[in-house]
C-alpha atoms as a PDB file:
ATOM      1  CA  MET A   1       0.147   0.137  -0.036  1.00  0.00           C
ATOM      2  CA  ARG A   2       2.896   2.323   1.101  1.00  0.00           C
ATOM      3  CA  ARG A   3       4.029   2.388  -2.539  1.00  0.00           C
ATOM      4  CA  TRP A   4       0.880   2.891  -4.106  1.00  0.00           C
ATOM      5  CA  ILE A   5       0.663   6.297  -2.008  1.00  0.00           C
ATOM      6  CA  ALA A   6       4.511   6.836  -2.982  1.00  0.00           C
ATOM      7  CA  TRP A   7       4.003   6.337  -6.694  1.00  0.00           C
ATOM      8  CA  LEU A   8       0.669   7.749  -7.282  1.00  0.00           C
ATOM      9  CA  GLY A   9       0.693  10.687  -4.437  1.00  0.00           C
ATOM     10  CA  GLY A  10       3.987  12.031  -5.854  1.00  0.00           C
ATOM     11  CA  SER A  11       2.840  12.198  -9.454  1.00  0.00           C
ATOM     12  CA  LEU A  12      -0.581  14.274  -8.013  1.00  0.00           C
ATOM     13  CA  ILE A  13       1.379  16.065  -5.880  1.00  0.00           C
ATOM     14  CA  ALA A  14       4.251  17.092  -8.789  1.00  0.00           C
ATOM     15  CA  ALA A  15       1.526  17.720 -11.544  1.00  0.00           C
ATOM     16  CA  SER A  16      -0.550  20.300  -8.448  1.00  0.00           C
ATOM     17  CA  PHE A  17       2.842  21.771  -7.747  1.00  0.00           C
ATOM     18  CA  PHE A  18       3.884  22.733 -11.071  1.00  0.00           C
ATOM     19  CA  THR A  19      -0.580  23.404 -12.493  1.00  0.00           C
ATOM     20  CA  ALA A  20       0.286  26.106  -9.312  1.00  0.00           C
ATOM     21  CA  LEU A  21       3.090  27.636 -11.039  1.00  0.00           C
ATOM     22  CA  ALA A  22       1.351  27.566 -14.151  1.00  0.00           C
ATOM     23  CA  LEU A  23      -1.947  29.413 -12.593  1.00  0.00           C
ATOM     24  CA  ALA A  24       0.184  31.872 -10.957  1.00  0.00           C
ATOM     25  CA  GLY A  25       1.806  33.596 -13.959  1.00  0.00           C
ATOM     26  CA  VAL A  26       5.010  32.059 -13.605  1.00  0.00           C
ATOM     27  CA  SER A  27       5.528  30.755 -16.700  1.00  0.00           C
ATOM     28  CA  GLU A  28       2.221  28.879 -19.245  1.00  0.00           C
ATOM     29  CA  TRP A  29       4.960  26.442 -19.635  1.00  0.00           C
ATOM     30  CA  MET A  30       4.918  24.869 -16.588  1.00  0.00           C
ATOM     31  CA  ILE A  31       1.394  23.270 -17.539  1.00  0.00           C
ATOM     32  CA  LEU A  32       3.408  20.919 -20.078  1.00  0.00           C
ATOM     33  CA  PRO A  33       5.542  19.500 -17.288  1.00  0.00           C
ATOM     34  CA  ALA A  34       2.302  19.458 -15.056  1.00  0.00           C
ATOM     35  CA  ILE A  35       0.417  17.521 -18.330  1.00  0.00           C
ATOM     36  CA  LEU A  36       3.547  14.942 -18.436  1.00  0.00           C
ATOM     37  CA  VAL A  37       3.968  14.170 -14.916  1.00  0.00           C
ATOM     38  CA  GLY A  38       0.144  13.980 -13.807  1.00  0.00           C
ATOM     39  CA  PRO A  39      -1.025  12.011 -16.830  1.00  0.00           C
ATOM     40  CA  GLY A  40       1.574  10.949 -18.467  1.00  0.00           C
ATOM     41  CA  PHE A  41       3.921   9.197 -15.017  1.00  0.00           C
ATOM     42  CA  GLY A  42       1.193   8.424 -13.184  1.00  0.00           C
ATOM     43  CA  GLY A  43      -0.739   6.594 -15.853  1.00  0.00           C
ATOM     44  CA  ILE A  44       2.304   4.642 -16.069  1.00  0.00           C
ATOM     45  CA  ALA A  45       3.129   4.122 -12.847  1.00  0.00           C
ATOM     46  CA  LEU A  46      -0.769   2.969 -11.991  1.00  0.00           C
ATOM     47  CA  ILE A  47      -0.445   0.287 -14.805  1.00  0.00           C
ATOM     48  CA  TRP A  48       3.267  -0.782 -13.534  1.00  0.00           C
ATOM     49  CA  LEU A  49       1.617  -1.123  -9.898  1.00  0.00           C
ATOM     50  CA  ALA A  50      -1.297  -2.717 -11.291  1.00  0.00           C
ATOM     51  CA  LEU A  51       0.473  -4.853 -13.477  1.00  0.00           C
ATOM     52  CA  SER A  52       2.936  -5.710 -10.435  1.00  0.00           C
ATOM     53  CA  SER A  53       1.021  -6.261  -7.027  1.00  0.00           C
ATOM     54  CA  ASP A  54       0.272  -9.595  -5.323  1.00  0.00           C
ATOM     55  CA  THR A  55      -2.770 -10.121  -5.231  1.00  0.00           C
ATOM     56  CA  ASN A  56      -3.830 -13.556  -6.452  1.00  0.00           C
ATOM     57  CA  SER A  57      -0.178 -15.137  -5.110  1.00  0.00           C
ATOM     58  CA  ALA A  58      -1.061 -17.982  -2.577  1.00  0.00           C
ATOM     59  CA  ALA A  59      -2.307 -17.773   0.725  1.00  0.00           C
ATOM     60  CA  PRO A  60       0.920 -18.735   3.945  1.00  0.00           C
ATOM     61  CA  HIS A  61       0.507 -22.276   4.163  1.00  0.00           C
ATOM     62  CA  VAL A  62      -1.150 -22.484   7.304  1.00  0.00           C
ATOM     63  CA  ALA A  63      -2.445 -26.002   8.968  1.00  0.00           C
ATOM     64  CA  ALA A  64      -5.853 -26.959   7.879  1.00  0.00           C
ATOM     65  CA  GLU A  65      -8.319 -28.675  10.271  1.00  0.00           C
ATOM     66  CA  PRO A  66      -9.190 -31.895   9.411  1.00  0.00           C
ATOM     67  CA  VAL A  67     -12.302 -32.169   7.683  1.00  0.00           C
ATOM     68  CA  ALA A  68     -15.224 -34.521   9.504  1.00  0.00           C
ATOM     69  CA  GLU A  69     -14.530 -37.379   7.268  1.00  0.00           C
ATOM     70  CA  GLU A  70     -11.004 -37.761   7.955  1.00  0.00           C
ATOM     71  CA  ALA A  71     -11.633 -37.083  11.263  1.00  0.00           C
ATOM     72  CA  ALA A  72     -14.000 -39.958  11.608  1.00  0.00           C
ATOM     73  CA  VAL A  73     -12.012 -42.355   9.532  1.00  0.00           C
ATOM     74  CA  ALA A  74      -8.838 -41.682  11.543  1.00  0.00           C
ATOM     75  CA  ALA A  75     -10.527 -42.255  15.248  1.00  0.00           C
END
């Protein structure tokens, strides 16, 4: 979860910073890095995070309780 927040939050803050600079009148060219960092880098990061997440991994091996039929046979 931390890497999701770091990658997507970082691109959001960077895009917001460049957008604020452009709207503050520093330079109208500051909107270019906002567009590249926000949807560009953020989109690539989202795809990378989704593809590399380990949501379908097998759960760690835990000793399961025996099934009722196996318990009856063992007794």
